[in-house]
């Protein structure tokens, strides 16, 4: 449960979809739902690169950009895996996206 507001609406929108995929669809093995929504993460990752950090976090801009780049790449890999039927590869790609998202969050901690 989050007590504080997200840093930006773009990060929040990405997290909302990732949460559903990671915490609801993946445990229930809802592959059709994952394959239809997974590629949306690529679209939601694009605006992350344009987020302007508040002044108090400007010193972390390079770390933020690197984390966003890694997250965007992981989302693209997931989208590519969603084109096939290898559920193990799709699951691994989801786990990677989730890990990269956690790395992005660590930039602000």
N, C-alpha and C. Protein backbone atom coordinates (compact mmCIF):
# COMPACT_ATOMS: atom_id res chain seq x y z
N UNK A 1 0.85 -1.17 0.00
CA UNK A 1 0.00 0.00 0.00
C UNK A 1 0.90 1.23 0.00
N UNK A 2 0.60 2.14 -0.91
CA UNK A 2 1.37 3.38 -0.97
C UNK A 2 0.73 4.43 -0.09
N UNK A 3 1.57 5.10 0.65
CA UNK A 3 1.09 6.18 1.51
C UNK A 3 1.37 7.52 0.86
N UNK A 4 2.44 7.61 0.08
CA UNK A 4 2.80 8.87 -0.56
C UNK A 4 2.36 8.86 -2.02
N UNK A 5 2.22 10.05 -2.57
CA UNK A 5 1.82 10.18 -3.96
C UNK A 5 2.99 9.78 -4.86
N UNK A 6 2.70 9.21 -6.03
CA UNK A 6 3.79 8.85 -6.95
C UNK A 6 4.49 10.11 -7.45
N UNK A 7 5.73 9.92 -7.89
CA UNK A 7 6.53 11.05 -8.37
C UNK A 7 5.88 11.73 -9.57
N UNK A 8 5.32 10.92 -10.47
CA UNK A 8 4.65 11.49 -11.65
C UNK A 8 3.48 10.60 -12.05
N UNK A 9 2.58 11.18 -12.79
CA UNK A 9 1.43 10.40 -13.27
C UNK A 9 1.88 9.34 -14.27
N UNK A 10 2.96 9.63 -15.02
CA UNK A 10 3.47 8.66 -16.00
C UNK A 10 3.98 7.40 -15.31
N UNK A 11 4.72 7.59 -14.23
CA UNK A 11 5.22 6.43 -13.48
C UNK A 11 4.05 5.67 -12.86
N UNK A 12 3.08 6.40 -12.35
CA UNK A 12 1.92 5.77 -11.73
C UNK A 12 1.12 4.95 -12.75
N UNK A 13 0.92 5.48 -13.94
CA UNK A 13 0.17 4.76 -14.97
C UNK A 13 0.90 3.47 -15.37
N UNK A 14 2.21 3.54 -15.51
CA UNK A 14 2.99 2.35 -15.84
C UNK A 14 2.83 1.31 -14.72
N UNK A 15 2.95 1.77 -13.48
CA UNK A 15 2.87 0.86 -12.35
C UNK A 15 1.50 0.21 -12.23
N UNK A 16 0.45 0.96 -12.50
CA UNK A 16 -0.91 0.40 -12.40
C UNK A 16 -1.07 -0.82 -13.30
N UNK A 17 -0.61 -0.73 -14.54
CA UNK A 17 -0.74 -1.87 -15.46
C UNK A 17 0.22 -2.99 -15.06
N UNK A 18 1.44 -2.64 -14.71
CA UNK A 18 2.39 -3.66 -14.29
C UNK A 18 1.87 -4.41 -13.07
N UNK A 19 1.25 -3.71 -12.15
CA UNK A 19 0.68 -4.34 -10.96
C UNK A 19 -0.33 -5.41 -11.35
N UNK A 20 -1.21 -5.08 -12.25
CA UNK A 20 -2.24 -6.03 -12.68
C UNK A 20 -1.59 -7.26 -13.33
N UNK A 21 -0.64 -7.01 -14.21
CA UNK A 21 0.02 -8.11 -14.91
C UNK A 21 0.78 -8.99 -13.92
N UNK A 22 1.56 -8.37 -13.05
CA UNK A 22 2.45 -9.11 -12.15
C UNK A 22 1.70 -9.78 -10.99
N UNK A 23 0.75 -9.08 -10.40
CA UNK A 23 0.10 -9.58 -9.19
C UNK A 23 -1.23 -10.30 -9.43
N UNK A 24 -1.81 -10.13 -10.60
CA UNK A 24 -3.10 -10.76 -10.86
C UNK A 24 -3.02 -11.76 -12.01
N UNK A 25 -2.59 -11.31 -13.18
CA UNK A 25 -2.58 -12.20 -14.34
C UNK A 25 -1.52 -13.29 -14.23
N UNK A 26 -0.32 -12.95 -13.83
CA UNK A 26 0.76 -13.93 -13.78
C UNK A 26 0.50 -15.05 -12.78
N UNK A 27 0.12 -14.75 -11.53
CA UNK A 27 -0.14 -15.85 -10.59
C UNK A 27 -1.28 -16.78 -11.05
N UNK A 28 -2.25 -16.21 -11.75
CA UNK A 28 -3.38 -17.00 -12.23
C UNK A 28 -3.13 -17.61 -13.61
N UNK A 29 -1.92 -17.35 -14.15
CA UNK A 29 -1.54 -17.89 -15.47
C UNK A 29 -2.54 -17.50 -16.55
N UNK A 30 -2.98 -16.26 -16.53
CA UNK A 30 -3.91 -15.74 -17.54
C UNK A 30 -3.11 -15.25 -18.74
N UNK A 31 -2.64 -16.21 -19.54
CA UNK A 31 -1.73 -15.90 -20.63
C UNK A 31 -2.35 -15.02 -21.70
N UNK A 32 -3.63 -15.24 -22.00
CA UNK A 32 -4.29 -14.42 -23.02
C UNK A 32 -4.34 -12.95 -22.57
N UNK A 33 -4.65 -12.73 -21.31
CA UNK A 33 -4.70 -11.37 -20.78
C UNK A 33 -3.31 -10.74 -20.77
N UNK A 34 -2.32 -11.53 -20.40
CA UNK A 34 -0.95 -11.02 -20.39
C UNK A 34 -0.52 -10.66 -21.80
N UNK A 35 -0.81 -11.55 -22.75
CA UNK A 35 -0.38 -11.30 -24.13
C UNK A 35 -1.08 -10.08 -24.73
N UNK A 36 -2.28 -9.78 -24.26
CA UNK A 36 -2.99 -8.62 -24.81
C UNK A 36 -2.59 -7.31 -24.11
N UNK A 37 -2.22 -7.38 -22.84
CA UNK A 37 -1.89 -6.15 -22.12
C UNK A 37 -0.39 -5.90 -22.00
N UNK A 38 0.42 -6.93 -22.07
CA UNK A 38 1.87 -6.78 -21.94
C UNK A 38 2.47 -5.73 -22.87
N UNK A 39 2.12 -5.77 -24.15
CA UNK A 39 2.68 -4.77 -25.06
C UNK A 39 2.29 -3.32 -24.72
N UNK A 40 1.22 -3.12 -23.98
CA UNK A 40 0.84 -1.76 -23.57
C UNK A 40 1.91 -1.12 -22.69
N UNK A 41 2.70 -1.95 -22.02
CA UNK A 41 3.75 -1.40 -21.16
C UNK A 41 4.77 -0.60 -21.97
N UNK A 42 4.98 -1.00 -23.23
CA UNK A 42 5.90 -0.25 -24.09
C UNK A 42 5.37 1.16 -24.29
N UNK A 43 4.09 1.27 -24.58
CA UNK A 43 3.46 2.57 -24.78
C UNK A 43 3.52 3.41 -23.51
N UNK A 44 3.31 2.77 -22.37
CA UNK A 44 3.33 3.50 -21.11
C UNK A 44 4.75 3.86 -20.67
N UNK A 45 5.74 3.14 -21.17
CA UNK A 45 7.14 3.42 -20.82
C UNK A 45 7.68 4.64 -21.57
N UNK A 46 7.18 4.89 -22.76
CA UNK A 46 7.70 5.99 -23.58
C UNK A 46 7.65 7.34 -22.87
N UNK A 47 6.54 7.73 -22.23
CA UNK A 47 6.50 9.04 -21.58
C UNK A 47 7.42 9.16 -20.35
N UNK A 48 7.89 8.03 -19.83
CA UNK A 48 8.76 8.08 -18.66
C UNK A 48 10.05 8.85 -18.96
N UNK A 49 10.49 8.79 -20.20
CA UNK A 49 11.73 9.48 -20.59
C UNK A 49 11.56 10.99 -20.60
N UNK A 50 10.34 11.47 -20.64
CA UNK A 50 10.10 12.91 -20.71
C UNK A 50 9.74 13.53 -19.36
N UNK A 51 9.71 12.71 -18.32
CA UNK A 51 9.35 13.22 -16.99
C UNK A 51 10.44 14.18 -16.51
N UNK A 52 10.00 15.33 -16.05
CA UNK A 52 10.92 16.30 -15.48
C UNK A 52 10.94 16.08 -13.97
N UNK A 53 12.12 15.79 -13.46
CA UNK A 53 12.25 15.55 -12.03
C UNK A 53 12.16 16.86 -11.27
N UNK A 54 11.59 16.82 -10.07
CA UNK A 54 11.56 18.03 -9.25
C UNK A 54 12.98 18.46 -8.88
N UNK A 55 13.14 19.71 -8.54
CA UNK A 55 14.46 20.26 -8.22
C UNK A 55 15.19 19.44 -7.16
N UNK A 56 14.47 18.95 -6.17
CA UNK A 56 15.11 18.21 -5.09
C UNK A 56 15.71 16.89 -5.57
N UNK A 57 15.30 16.43 -6.76
CA UNK A 57 15.81 15.16 -7.28
C UNK A 57 16.67 15.33 -8.54
N UNK A 58 16.98 16.55 -8.90
CA UNK A 58 17.75 16.79 -10.13
C UNK A 58 19.10 16.07 -10.13
N UNK A 59 19.69 15.89 -8.98
CA UNK A 59 20.99 15.22 -8.90
C UNK A 59 20.89 13.74 -9.30
N UNK A 60 19.69 13.21 -9.29
CA UNK A 60 19.48 11.80 -9.63
C UNK A 60 19.03 11.61 -11.08
N UNK A 61 19.07 12.65 -11.87
CA UNK A 61 18.55 12.60 -13.24
C UNK A 61 19.25 11.54 -14.09
N UNK A 62 20.55 11.42 -13.97
CA UNK A 62 21.28 10.43 -14.77
C UNK A 62 20.88 9.01 -14.38
N UNK A 63 20.74 8.77 -13.08
CA UNK A 63 20.30 7.44 -12.62
C UNK A 63 18.88 7.17 -13.10
N UNK A 64 18.03 8.20 -13.06
CA UNK A 64 16.65 8.04 -13.52
C UNK A 64 16.62 7.68 -15.00
N UNK A 65 17.38 8.40 -15.81
CA UNK A 65 17.39 8.14 -17.25
C UNK A 65 17.88 6.73 -17.55
N UNK A 66 18.90 6.29 -16.84
CA UNK A 66 19.43 4.93 -17.05
C UNK A 66 18.40 3.89 -16.65
N UNK A 67 17.69 4.12 -15.55
CA UNK A 67 16.67 3.18 -15.09
C UNK A 67 15.50 3.13 -16.06
N UNK A 68 15.11 4.28 -16.59
CA UNK A 68 14.02 4.33 -17.56
C UNK A 68 14.41 3.60 -18.84
N UNK A 69 15.64 3.79 -19.28
CA UNK A 69 16.12 3.12 -20.49
C UNK A 69 16.07 1.60 -20.30
N UNK A 70 16.53 1.11 -19.16
CA UNK A 70 16.52 -0.33 -18.88
C UNK A 70 15.08 -0.85 -18.78
N UNK A 71 14.21 -0.08 -18.15
CA UNK A 71 12.81 -0.48 -18.02
C UNK A 71 12.13 -0.52 -19.39
N UNK A 72 12.38 0.47 -20.20
CA UNK A 72 11.79 0.51 -21.55
C UNK A 72 12.25 -0.69 -22.38
N UNK A 73 13.53 -1.02 -22.27
CA UNK A 73 14.06 -2.17 -23.01
C UNK A 73 13.41 -3.46 -22.53
N UNK A 74 13.24 -3.61 -21.23
CA UNK A 74 12.60 -4.80 -20.68
C UNK A 74 11.14 -4.89 -21.15
N UNK A 75 10.46 -3.76 -21.22
CA UNK A 75 9.07 -3.74 -21.69
C UNK A 75 9.00 -4.16 -23.16
N UNK A 76 9.96 -3.71 -23.97
CA UNK A 76 10.01 -4.11 -25.38
C UNK A 76 10.27 -5.61 -25.52
N UNK A 77 11.12 -6.14 -24.66
CA UNK A 77 11.38 -7.57 -24.69
C UNK A 77 10.13 -8.37 -24.33
N UNK A 78 9.39 -7.87 -23.34
CA UNK A 78 8.13 -8.53 -22.97
C UNK A 78 7.15 -8.49 -24.14
N UNK A 79 7.04 -7.35 -24.79
CA UNK A 79 6.12 -7.23 -25.93
C UNK A 79 6.49 -8.23 -27.02
N UNK A 80 7.77 -8.39 -27.26
CA UNK A 80 8.23 -9.35 -28.27
C UNK A 80 7.88 -10.78 -27.86
N UNK A 81 8.07 -11.09 -26.58
CA UNK A 81 7.75 -12.45 -26.08
C UNK A 81 6.25 -12.71 -26.16
N UNK A 82 5.44 -11.67 -26.00
CA UNK A 82 3.98 -11.83 -26.05
C UNK A 82 3.48 -12.19 -27.45
N UNK A 83 4.33 -12.05 -28.45
CA UNK A 83 3.96 -12.43 -29.81
C UNK A 83 4.00 -13.94 -29.99
N UNK A 84 4.72 -14.62 -29.12
CA UNK A 84 4.85 -16.07 -29.22
C UNK A 84 4.01 -16.78 -28.17
N UNK A 85 4.26 -18.07 -28.04
CA UNK A 85 3.49 -18.88 -27.11
C UNK A 85 4.35 -19.53 -26.02
N UNK A 86 5.58 -19.07 -25.87
CA UNK A 86 6.47 -19.61 -24.86
C UNK A 86 6.16 -18.96 -23.52
N UNK A 87 5.32 -19.62 -22.73
CA UNK A 87 4.87 -19.02 -21.47
C UNK A 87 6.02 -18.83 -20.47
N UNK A 88 7.01 -19.71 -20.51
CA UNK A 88 8.16 -19.55 -19.61
C UNK A 88 8.93 -18.29 -19.96
N UNK A 89 9.08 -18.02 -21.25
CA UNK A 89 9.79 -16.81 -21.68
C UNK A 89 8.98 -15.56 -21.34
N UNK A 90 7.68 -15.63 -21.47
CA UNK A 90 6.82 -14.50 -21.12
C UNK A 90 6.92 -14.23 -19.62
N UNK A 91 6.87 -15.29 -18.83
CA UNK A 91 6.97 -15.12 -17.38
C UNK A 91 8.32 -14.51 -17.00
N UNK A 92 9.39 -14.99 -17.60
CA UNK A 92 10.72 -14.43 -17.33
C UNK A 92 10.78 -12.95 -17.71
N UNK A 93 10.15 -12.60 -18.82
CA UNK A 93 10.14 -11.21 -19.26
C UNK A 93 9.35 -10.33 -18.29
N UNK A 94 8.26 -10.84 -17.76
CA UNK A 94 7.47 -10.09 -16.77
C UNK A 94 8.30 -9.87 -15.52
N UNK A 95 8.98 -10.90 -15.08
CA UNK A 95 9.83 -10.78 -13.89
C UNK A 95 10.93 -9.75 -14.11
N UNK A 96 11.46 -9.70 -15.32
CA UNK A 96 12.51 -8.73 -15.64
C UNK A 96 11.94 -7.31 -15.61
N UNK A 97 10.77 -7.11 -16.21
CA UNK A 97 10.14 -5.78 -16.19
C UNK A 97 9.90 -5.35 -14.75
N UNK A 98 9.41 -6.25 -13.94
CA UNK A 98 9.13 -5.93 -12.54
C UNK A 98 10.42 -5.54 -11.81
N UNK A 99 11.49 -6.28 -12.04
CA UNK A 99 12.78 -5.98 -11.41
C UNK A 99 13.29 -4.61 -11.86
N UNK A 100 13.14 -4.31 -13.15
CA UNK A 100 13.60 -3.02 -13.66
C UNK A 100 12.75 -1.88 -13.10
N UNK A 101 11.46 -2.14 -12.89
CA UNK A 101 10.61 -1.12 -12.27
C UNK A 101 11.06 -0.87 -10.83
N UNK A 102 11.39 -1.92 -10.11
CA UNK A 102 11.88 -1.76 -8.74
C UNK A 102 13.18 -0.96 -8.72
N UNK A 103 14.04 -1.17 -9.71
CA UNK A 103 15.27 -0.38 -9.80
C UNK A 103 14.95 1.09 -10.03
N UNK A 104 13.93 1.35 -10.84
CA UNK A 104 13.50 2.74 -11.06
C UNK A 104 13.03 3.36 -9.75
N UNK A 105 12.25 2.63 -8.98
CA UNK A 105 11.77 3.15 -7.70
C UNK A 105 12.93 3.44 -6.75
N UNK A 106 13.97 2.63 -6.79
CA UNK A 106 15.12 2.82 -5.89
C UNK A 106 15.85 4.12 -6.16
N UNK A 107 15.71 4.67 -7.36
CA UNK A 107 16.33 5.96 -7.67
C UNK A 107 15.81 7.03 -6.73
N UNK A 108 14.60 6.88 -6.27
CA UNK A 108 13.97 7.92 -5.44
C UNK A 108 14.02 7.61 -3.96
N UNK A 109 14.59 6.50 -3.57
CA UNK A 109 14.68 6.14 -2.15
C UNK A 109 16.01 6.55 -1.56
